[in-house]
Amino acid sequence: MSRKKVLVLGSNFGGLTAAIALKHELKGDVDVTVISPSEKFLFNPSLIWVPFGKRKAKDITFRVAPTFEEHDVDFVNVAATGIDPEAKTVSTATGTYSYDYLVIATGYQNKFDAVPGLGPDGNAYTITTLEDAVHAREGWKRFLDDPGDIVIGATQSAGCFGAAYEFLFNTSYQLKKAGLKKDVKLTYVTSEPFLGHFGIGGLPHGEELLGMFLKKERIEAVTNVSMDAVDEDAIHLSDGRTVPFRFSMVVPPFVGQEFLKEAGGIADEKGYVKVRDTYQTEQYDDVYAVGIAAAVAVPWQTPTPVGIPKTGFPTEAMAHTAAANIAKQIRGEEPDEHKEFGDIPAVCVMDAGNNGVLILADKMLPPRKHGVLVPGPQNHVMKLGFEKYFLWKMKGGHVGLP
């Protein structure tokens, strides 16, 4: 029997984990090729520090080719442009690749057109990509030379609320360090129905704890609101309010990659791939999707739409589940590893400059039995340590480690 060929689209949290985990599952007896437009792994959680000069690109990235080579995984540095699930092929600008099994881990792109005035050439910065965070660094330098009020926000349908909160509290900390805290009005604008919803329904006492944090830092909050437009010096809200700013950072909604919408009906209108709890697509047993690329049903309705955060921890869990199932299929077994997204534990360390909050819950989505937010400066130290550990882990391909 010829060796099976597995293609993995994407080289970050989900793609790198799935590719190397599959090699380990089958003790190398499989051909794995990763196709990705990025030659570097990016530790996205550290993007919150880039605008303040606390991190540079070299601090939070590494080249993936040596890592893949060490684990006998082929790497092709090119973007996928199409998938034909019937022919079992992936097209790119440099050629077409065939597969026996496919893992889609293509991440997200910013949906800037959700609010007029967002985008690289718009009126507010964001920190959701490395390029965006570097651009925000330039804006923060200009702000320090000519300070004024600040607005930090997350739009309707945004899902990365943790990053918005982290940037908010890091901004407050940096204002203190710069001696500007008393002179700058800091406002948080969010589509969440209440503080601490996070896109996961909230946790016990979360609203109270976040409210205390904001009060202590003299931050005004506007919840349950969408943004109509971002002008050069103000954000216009759906409730008629206008919030002026000199500097603003806004987290936009995410969507999947455009080419996935044309891939045999496997994706929804947002470009997210519809999957079962095995992370196989609904239509094809040999095509998987993990991480942000996978569609997740929202188990509630909120007055203002909010997204769900598909962060690094659940992405790794999805990738391991997919790798285990593909390995079983290659061995002629049933792909019987199941892991509903909502049942994956929620684990997040939210940094606040010199403080922080540890978020723990038995499930990502309700109903839950346990959930807690633990505040304290130890969480800042924990996040610094985790950053170094995780970059070491992924660079070495030690994907079996927690």
Protein backbone atom coordinates (compact mmCIF):
# COMPACT_ATOMS: atom_id res chain seq x y z
CA MET A 1 0.00 0.00 0.00
CA SER A 2 1.37 3.42 -0.94
CA ARG A 3 2.01 5.97 1.77
CA LYS A 4 -0.86 8.36 2.31
CA LYS A 5 -0.44 12.04 1.54
CA VAL A 6 -1.76 14.64 3.95
CA LEU A 7 -1.87 18.35 3.11
CA VAL A 8 -2.12 20.92 5.87
CA LEU A 9 -3.09 24.48 4.93
CA GLY A 10 -1.61 26.90 7.46
CA SER A 11 1.51 26.93 9.62
CA ASN A 12 0.51 28.62 12.87
CA PHE A 13 -1.18 27.18 15.99
CA GLY A 14 -3.48 24.72 14.22
CA GLY A 15 -1.41 23.86 11.17
CA LEU A 16 1.91 23.30 12.91
CA THR A 17 0.27 21.24 15.65
CA ALA A 18 -1.75 19.06 13.26
CA ALA A 19 1.17 18.39 10.90
CA ILE A 20 3.68 17.31 13.54
CA ALA A 21 1.11 15.51 15.71
CA LEU A 22 0.11 13.38 12.72
CA LYS A 23 3.74 12.48 12.04
CA HIS A 24 4.05 11.40 15.67
CA GLU A 25 0.75 9.47 15.61
CA LEU A 26 1.92 7.34 12.67
CA LYS A 27 5.58 7.20 13.72
CA GLY A 28 6.58 8.94 10.50
CA ASP A 29 4.75 6.52 8.17
CA VAL A 30 2.87 9.24 6.30
CA ASP A 31 3.80 12.05 3.90
CA VAL A 32 2.79 15.43 5.34
CA THR A 33 3.09 18.71 3.45
CA VAL A 34 2.27 22.11 4.92
CA ILE A 35 1.24 24.86 2.52
CA SER A 36 1.22 28.39 3.94
CA PRO A 37 1.71 31.98 2.75
CA SER A 38 3.62 32.75 5.95
CA GLU A 39 7.14 31.50 6.51
CA LYS A 40 6.99 32.41 10.20
CA PHE A 41 5.04 31.24 13.22
CA LEU A 42 3.49 34.14 15.14
CA PHE A 43 2.61 34.05 18.84
CA ASN A 44 -0.50 36.20 18.47
CA PRO A 45 -1.17 36.72 22.21
CA SER A 46 1.92 38.95 22.42
CA LEU A 47 0.67 41.39 19.78
CA ILE A 48 -0.86 43.48 22.59
CA TRP A 49 2.66 44.57 23.61
CA VAL A 50 4.01 45.53 20.17
CA PRO A 51 2.44 49.04 20.01
CA PHE A 52 4.11 49.97 23.29
CA GLY A 53 7.55 48.83 22.17
CA LYS A 54 7.57 45.91 24.62
CA ARG A 55 7.96 43.38 21.82
CA LYS A 56 9.40 43.39 18.30
CA ALA A 57 8.60 40.98 15.50
CA LYS A 58 11.73 38.93 16.14
CA ASP A 59 10.67 38.38 19.76
CA ILE A 60 7.40 36.63 18.94
CA THR A 61 8.07 34.83 15.66
CA PHE A 62 10.29 32.08 14.30
CA ARG A 63 10.85 30.52 10.87
CA VAL A 64 8.80 27.35 10.49
CA ALA A 65 10.84 25.66 7.73
CA PRO A 66 13.58 24.37 10.09
CA THR A 67 10.97 23.08 12.52
CA PHE A 68 9.13 21.17 9.81
CA GLU A 69 12.38 19.86 8.33
CA GLU A 70 13.43 18.51 11.73
CA HIS A 71 10.17 16.52 11.91
CA ASP A 72 10.24 15.32 8.26
CA VAL A 73 7.35 17.55 7.18
CA ASP A 74 7.57 19.23 3.77
CA PHE A 75 6.90 22.96 3.70
CA VAL A 76 5.72 25.02 0.73
CA ASN A 77 5.73 28.77 1.30
CA VAL A 78 2.78 29.76 -0.89
CA ALA A 79 -0.88 30.60 -0.36
CA ALA A 80 -3.59 28.13 -1.27
CA THR A 81 -6.00 29.60 -3.80
CA GLY A 82 -8.54 26.82 -4.19
CA ILE A 83 -9.70 23.40 -3.06
CA ASP A 84 -11.40 20.75 -5.19
CA PRO A 85 -12.67 18.22 -2.65
CA GLU A 86 -13.97 15.89 -5.37
CA ALA A 87 -10.63 15.74 -7.19
CA LYS A 88 -8.78 15.89 -3.85
CA THR A 89 -6.52 18.72 -4.95
CA VAL A 90 -5.37 22.10 -3.64
CA SER A 91 -4.37 24.81 -6.08
CA THR A 92 -1.72 27.49 -5.48
CA ALA A 93 0.04 30.12 -7.58
CA THR A 94 2.94 27.71 -8.09
CA GLY A 95 1.09 24.48 -8.81
CA THR A 96 -1.54 21.95 -7.78
CA TYR A 97 -1.12 19.46 -4.95
CA SER A 98 -3.06 16.23 -4.46
CA TYR A 99 -3.97 14.73 -1.12
CA ASP A 100 -5.55 11.74 0.56
CA TYR A 101 -6.44 13.84 3.59
CA LEU A 102 -6.62 17.59 4.02
CA VAL A 103 -6.46 19.78 7.14
CA ILE A 104 -7.60 23.39 6.77
CA ALA A 105 -5.97 25.64 9.37
CA THR A 106 -5.97 28.89 7.43
CA GLY A 107 -6.89 31.19 10.31
CA TYR A 108 -8.68 34.48 9.79
CA GLN A 109 -8.64 37.79 8.04
CA ASN A 110 -9.94 41.09 9.39
CA LYS A 111 -13.37 42.17 8.19
CA PHE A 112 -12.64 45.87 8.12
CA ASP A 113 -15.67 46.73 6.02
CA ALA A 114 -17.91 45.87 8.98
CA VAL A 115 -17.50 49.49 10.10
CA PRO A 116 -16.68 52.41 7.78
CA GLY A 117 -13.39 53.99 8.79
CA LEU A 118 -11.62 50.81 9.88
CA GLY A 119 -8.71 49.25 8.02
CA PRO A 120 -5.00 49.86 7.41
CA ASP A 121 -5.82 53.22 5.80
CA GLY A 122 -8.63 53.98 8.21
CA ASN A 123 -8.95 56.10 11.33
CA ALA A 124 -8.38 53.51 14.08
CA TYR A 125 -5.55 51.07 14.66
CA THR A 126 -5.90 47.39 15.42
CA ILE A 127 -3.55 44.71 16.80
CA THR A 128 -4.91 41.54 15.23
CA THR A 129 -1.98 40.97 12.85
CA LEU A 130 1.71 41.68 13.20
CA GLU A 131 1.57 44.31 10.46
CA ASP A 132 -1.37 46.01 12.18
CA ALA A 133 0.38 45.99 15.55
CA VAL A 134 3.55 47.52 14.07
CA HIS A 135 1.41 50.20 12.46
CA ALA A 136 -0.23 50.86 15.84
CA ARG A 137 3.26 51.28 17.32
CA GLU A 138 3.86 54.21 14.96
CA GLY A 139 0.54 55.73 16.00
CA TRP A 140 1.30 55.34 19.70
CA LYS A 141 4.60 57.19 19.28
CA ARG A 142 2.75 60.08 17.64
CA PHE A 143 0.15 60.01 20.40
CA LEU A 144 2.82 60.44 23.09
CA ASP A 145 4.02 63.57 21.32
CA ASP A 146 0.48 64.98 21.14
CA PRO A 147 -1.74 63.18 23.69
CA GLY A 148 -5.51 63.30 24.04
CA ASP A 149 -8.44 61.02 24.76
CA ILE A 150 -8.30 57.30 23.85
CA VAL A 151 -10.98 54.84 22.76
CA ILE A 152 -10.38 51.09 22.82
CA GLY A 153 -13.13 48.92 21.37
CA ALA A 154 -14.45 45.72 19.85
CA THR A 155 -17.01 45.98 17.07
CA GLN A 156 -20.25 44.12 16.57
CA SER A 157 -19.54 40.46 15.72
CA ALA A 158 -15.96 40.73 17.00
CA GLY A 159 -14.72 37.65 18.84
CA CYS A 160 -11.32 38.61 20.19
CA PHE A 161 -12.51 40.45 23.30
CA GLY A 162 -9.63 39.21 25.43
CA ALA A 163 -7.15 41.13 23.28
CA ALA A 164 -9.31 44.26 23.53
CA TYR A 165 -9.35 44.05 27.34
CA GLU A 166 -5.62 43.33 27.50
CA PHE A 167 -4.80 46.28 25.27
CA LEU A 168 -7.16 48.47 27.29
CA PHE A 169 -5.46 47.74 30.60
CA ASN A 170 -1.98 47.86 29.09
CA THR A 171 -2.87 51.28 27.66
CA SER A 172 -3.90 52.44 31.12
CA TYR A 173 -0.62 51.16 32.54
CA GLN A 174 1.43 52.87 29.83
CA LEU A 175 -0.41 56.15 30.43
CA LYS A 176 0.62 55.96 34.08
CA LYS A 177 4.23 55.32 33.13
CA ALA A 178 4.15 58.30 30.78
CA GLY A 179 2.61 60.57 33.44
CA LEU A 180 -0.52 61.07 31.32
CA LYS A 181 -3.15 59.10 33.21
CA LYS A 182 -4.80 62.15 34.83
CA ASP A 183 -4.99 64.04 31.55
CA VAL A 184 -6.40 61.34 29.26
CA LYS A 185 -9.97 60.05 29.23
CA LEU A 186 -9.89 56.32 28.45
CA THR A 187 -13.09 54.72 27.12
CA TYR A 188 -13.89 51.08 26.34
CA VAL A 189 -16.60 50.46 23.73
CA THR A 190 -17.82 46.89 23.23
CA SER A 191 -20.58 44.90 21.62
CA GLU A 192 -20.64 42.57 24.65
CA PRO A 193 -23.99 42.65 26.48
CA PHE A 194 -22.05 43.13 29.72
CA LEU A 195 -18.45 43.48 30.85
CA GLY A 196 -16.64 40.16 30.97
CA HIS A 197 -18.87 38.35 28.49
CA PHE A 198 -15.75 37.68 26.38
CA GLY A 199 -17.82 36.01 23.66
CA ILE A 200 -18.16 32.92 25.87
CA GLY A 201 -21.21 33.95 27.88
CA GLY A 202 -19.33 35.31 30.86
CA LEU A 203 -18.18 33.66 34.09
CA PRO A 204 -19.36 33.97 37.71
CA HIS A 205 -18.54 37.42 39.15
CA GLY A 206 -16.79 38.36 35.88
CA GLU A 207 -18.90 41.46 35.29
CA GLU A 208 -18.30 42.60 38.87
CA LEU A 209 -14.55 41.96 38.68
CA LEU A 210 -14.09 43.74 35.34
CA GLY A 211 -16.24 46.60 36.58
CA MET A 212 -13.97 46.98 39.61
CA PHE A 213 -10.92 46.96 37.34
CA LEU A 214 -12.35 49.68 35.13
CA LYS A 215 -13.40 51.81 38.08
CA LYS A 216 -9.97 51.49 39.67
CA GLU A 217 -8.32 52.53 36.39
CA ARG A 218 -10.86 55.33 35.79
CA ILE A 219 -12.00 53.80 32.51
CA GLU A 220 -15.48 54.53 31.20
CA ALA A 221 -17.27 51.58 29.56
CA VAL A 222 -19.97 51.54 26.90
CA THR A 223 -21.46 48.04 26.45
CA ASN A 224 -24.05 46.43 24.17
CA VAL A 225 -23.48 48.85 21.32
CA SER A 226 -22.41 48.62 17.71
CA MET A 227 -20.24 51.07 15.81
CA ASP A 228 -21.70 52.97 12.88
CA ALA A 229 -18.49 54.64 11.71
CA VAL A 230 -15.00 55.64 12.77
CA ASP A 231 -14.08 59.17 11.77
CA GLU A 232 -10.65 60.77 11.99
CA ASP A 233 -11.22 61.84 15.59
CA ALA A 234 -14.38 60.08 16.85
CA ILE A 235 -16.33 56.82 16.89
CA HIS A 236 -20.05 57.09 16.11
CA LEU A 237 -22.17 54.55 17.99
CA SER A 238 -25.53 53.02 17.10
CA ASP A 239 -27.19 54.58 20.14
CA GLY A 240 -26.45 58.06 18.79
CA ARG A 241 -23.43 58.78 20.95
CA THR A 242 -20.14 60.04 19.56
CA VAL A 243 -16.93 59.26 21.44
CA PRO A 244 -13.97 61.50 20.49
CA PHE A 245 -10.37 60.30 20.51
CA ARG A 246 -6.80 61.22 19.69
CA PHE A 247 -5.79 57.54 19.54
CA SER A 248 -8.03 54.52 19.02
CA MET A 249 -7.58 50.76 18.75
CA VAL A 250 -10.54 48.71 17.55
CA VAL A 251 -10.78 44.92 17.20
CA PRO A 252 -12.83 44.10 14.07
CA PRO A 253 -14.75 40.91 13.29
CA PHE A 254 -12.84 38.01 11.76
CA VAL A 255 -13.85 36.02 8.69
CA GLY A 256 -12.37 32.98 6.97
CA GLN A 257 -10.27 32.99 3.83
CA GLU A 258 -12.16 34.01 0.71
CA PHE A 259 -11.16 31.00 -1.43
CA LEU A 260 -12.86 28.63 1.02
CA LYS A 261 -16.29 29.98 0.04
CA GLU A 262 -15.81 28.44 -3.41
CA ALA A 263 -14.54 25.06 -2.21
CA GLY A 264 -17.43 22.70 -2.88
CA GLY A 265 -19.81 24.21 -0.36
CA ILE A 266 -17.69 23.29 2.67
CA ALA A 267 -17.73 26.84 4.10
CA ASP A 268 -20.44 29.22 5.29
CA GLU A 269 -20.97 32.80 4.12
CA LYS A 270 -18.17 34.01 6.41
CA GLY A 271 -15.65 31.58 4.95
CA TYR A 272 -15.66 29.32 8.02
CA VAL A 273 -15.64 25.58 7.34
CA LYS A 274 -18.60 23.61 8.68
CA VAL A 275 -17.37 20.66 10.75
CA ARG A 276 -18.54 17.75 12.91
CA ASP A 277 -17.12 17.15 16.39
CA THR A 278 -14.44 14.97 14.78
CA TYR A 279 -13.39 18.14 12.86
CA GLN A 280 -14.23 16.42 9.60
CA THR A 281 -16.22 18.65 7.27
CA GLU A 282 -19.93 17.94 7.02
CA GLN A 283 -19.66 16.70 3.42
CA TYR A 284 -16.23 15.07 3.19
CA ASP A 285 -14.72 12.49 5.55
CA ASP A 286 -11.20 13.21 4.25
CA VAL A 287 -11.29 17.00 4.75
CA TYR A 288 -10.82 18.53 8.21
CA ALA A 289 -10.81 22.08 9.55
CA VAL A 290 -9.40 23.34 12.85
CA GLY A 291 -8.89 26.60 14.73
CA ILE A 292 -10.44 29.83 13.56
CA ALA A 293 -11.07 28.28 10.13
CA ALA A 294 -13.67 25.95 11.67
CA ALA A 295 -17.24 27.22 12.05
CA VAL A 296 -18.65 27.22 15.57
CA ALA A 297 -22.34 27.62 16.31
CA VAL A 298 -23.19 30.44 18.72
CA PRO A 299 -25.43 29.01 21.48
CA TRP A 300 -27.16 32.30 22.26
CA GLN A 301 -28.42 35.53 20.80
CA THR A 302 -27.30 38.89 22.12
CA PRO A 303 -28.87 42.29 21.42
CA THR A 304 -25.67 43.30 19.61
CA PRO A 305 -23.94 40.42 17.76
CA VAL A 306 -20.78 39.02 19.35
CA GLY A 307 -18.39 36.39 18.01
CA ILE A 308 -16.78 33.44 19.76
CA PRO A 309 -13.04 33.46 20.55
CA LYS A 310 -11.29 30.49 18.93
CA THR A 311 -8.00 31.01 20.75
CA GLY A 312 -4.77 29.02 20.84
CA PHE A 313 -5.80 26.49 23.49
CA PRO A 314 -8.94 25.19 21.72
CA THR A 315 -7.14 25.39 18.37
CA GLU A 316 -4.49 22.97 19.63
CA ALA A 317 -7.21 20.65 20.96
CA MET A 318 -8.95 20.67 17.59
CA ALA A 319 -5.67 20.00 15.76
CA HIS A 320 -4.82 17.02 17.97
CA THR A 321 -8.33 15.62 17.48
CA ALA A 322 -8.04 15.95 13.70
CA ALA A 323 -4.57 14.37 13.66
CA ALA A 324 -5.73 11.42 15.76
CA ASN A 325 -8.73 10.82 13.49
CA ILE A 326 -6.69 10.99 10.29
CA ALA A 327 -4.21 8.53 11.78
CA LYS A 328 -7.07 6.16 12.55
CA GLN A 329 -8.45 6.46 9.04
CA ILE A 330 -5.03 5.70 7.56
CA ARG A 331 -4.83 2.62 9.79
CA GLY A 332 -8.24 1.51 8.52
CA GLU A 333 -10.08 2.40 11.73
CA GLU A 334 -13.08 4.60 12.43
CA PRO A 335 -12.27 8.28 13.19
CA ASP A 336 -13.92 8.15 16.61
CA GLU A 337 -12.14 10.95 18.46
CA HIS A 338 -14.82 13.49 19.37
CA LYS A 339 -14.37 16.89 20.99
CA GLU A 340 -17.12 19.47 20.77
CA PHE A 341 -15.71 22.99 20.72
CA GLY A 342 -17.98 24.05 23.56
CA ASP A 343 -16.67 21.21 25.77
CA ILE A 344 -13.01 22.22 25.46
CA PRO A 345 -11.82 23.88 28.70
CA ALA A 346 -11.39 27.65 28.69
CA VAL A 347 -7.89 28.69 29.77
CA CYS A 348 -6.63 32.24 29.28
CA VAL A 349 -4.19 34.59 30.98
CA MET A 350 -5.25 38.19 30.43
CA ASP A 351 -2.42 40.67 30.93
CA ALA A 352 -2.87 44.16 32.37
CA GLY A 353 0.58 45.72 32.24
CA ASN A 354 1.80 44.80 35.72
CA ASN A 355 -1.33 42.92 36.73
CA GLY A 356 -3.72 40.45 35.14
CA VAL A 357 -6.58 37.98 35.32
CA LEU A 358 -6.48 34.19 34.96
CA ILE A 359 -9.63 32.83 33.29
CA LEU A 360 -10.47 29.16 33.93
CA ALA A 361 -13.61 27.19 33.10
CA ASP A 362 -14.41 23.53 32.57
CA LYS A 363 -16.01 24.36 29.20
CA MET A 364 -15.57 27.06 26.57
CA LEU A 365 -19.32 27.54 26.28
CA PRO A 366 -22.19 27.16 28.77
CA PRO A 367 -23.71 25.27 30.46
CA ARG A 368 -20.73 24.92 32.77
CA LYS A 369 -20.11 23.40 36.18
CA HIS A 370 -17.07 25.49 37.03
CA GLY A 371 -15.68 28.87 36.02
CA VAL A 372 -13.54 31.45 37.75
CA LEU A 373 -11.55 34.64 37.19
CA VAL A 374 -8.48 35.00 39.39
CA PRO A 375 -6.96 38.54 39.47
CA GLY A 376 -3.45 39.44 40.58
CA PRO A 377 0.05 40.49 39.49
CA GLN A 378 1.13 36.84 39.34
CA ASN A 379 -0.83 36.57 36.09
CA HIS A 380 1.43 39.12 34.39
CA VAL A 381 4.44 37.01 35.33
CA MET A 382 2.59 33.87 34.24
CA LYS A 383 1.90 35.30 30.79
CA LEU A 384 5.53 36.34 30.33
CA GLY A 385 6.65 32.84 31.25
CA PHE A 386 4.05 31.16 29.06
CA GLU A 387 5.11 33.22 26.04
CA LYS A 388 8.69 31.97 26.32
CA TYR A 389 7.61 28.39 26.98
CA PHE A 390 5.14 28.25 24.10
CA LEU A 391 7.54 29.69 21.54
CA TRP A 392 10.15 27.15 22.67
CA LYS A 393 7.59 24.35 22.49
CA MET A 394 6.39 25.16 18.98
CA LYS A 395 9.81 25.98 17.55
CA GLY A 396 11.04 22.58 18.72
CA GLY A 397 7.90 20.85 17.45
CA HIS A 398 7.11 19.55 20.94
CA VAL A 399 3.37 19.60 20.18
CA GLY A 400 2.64 16.75 22.59
CA LEU A 401 3.47 18.96 25.54
CA PRO A 402 0.66 20.90 27.27
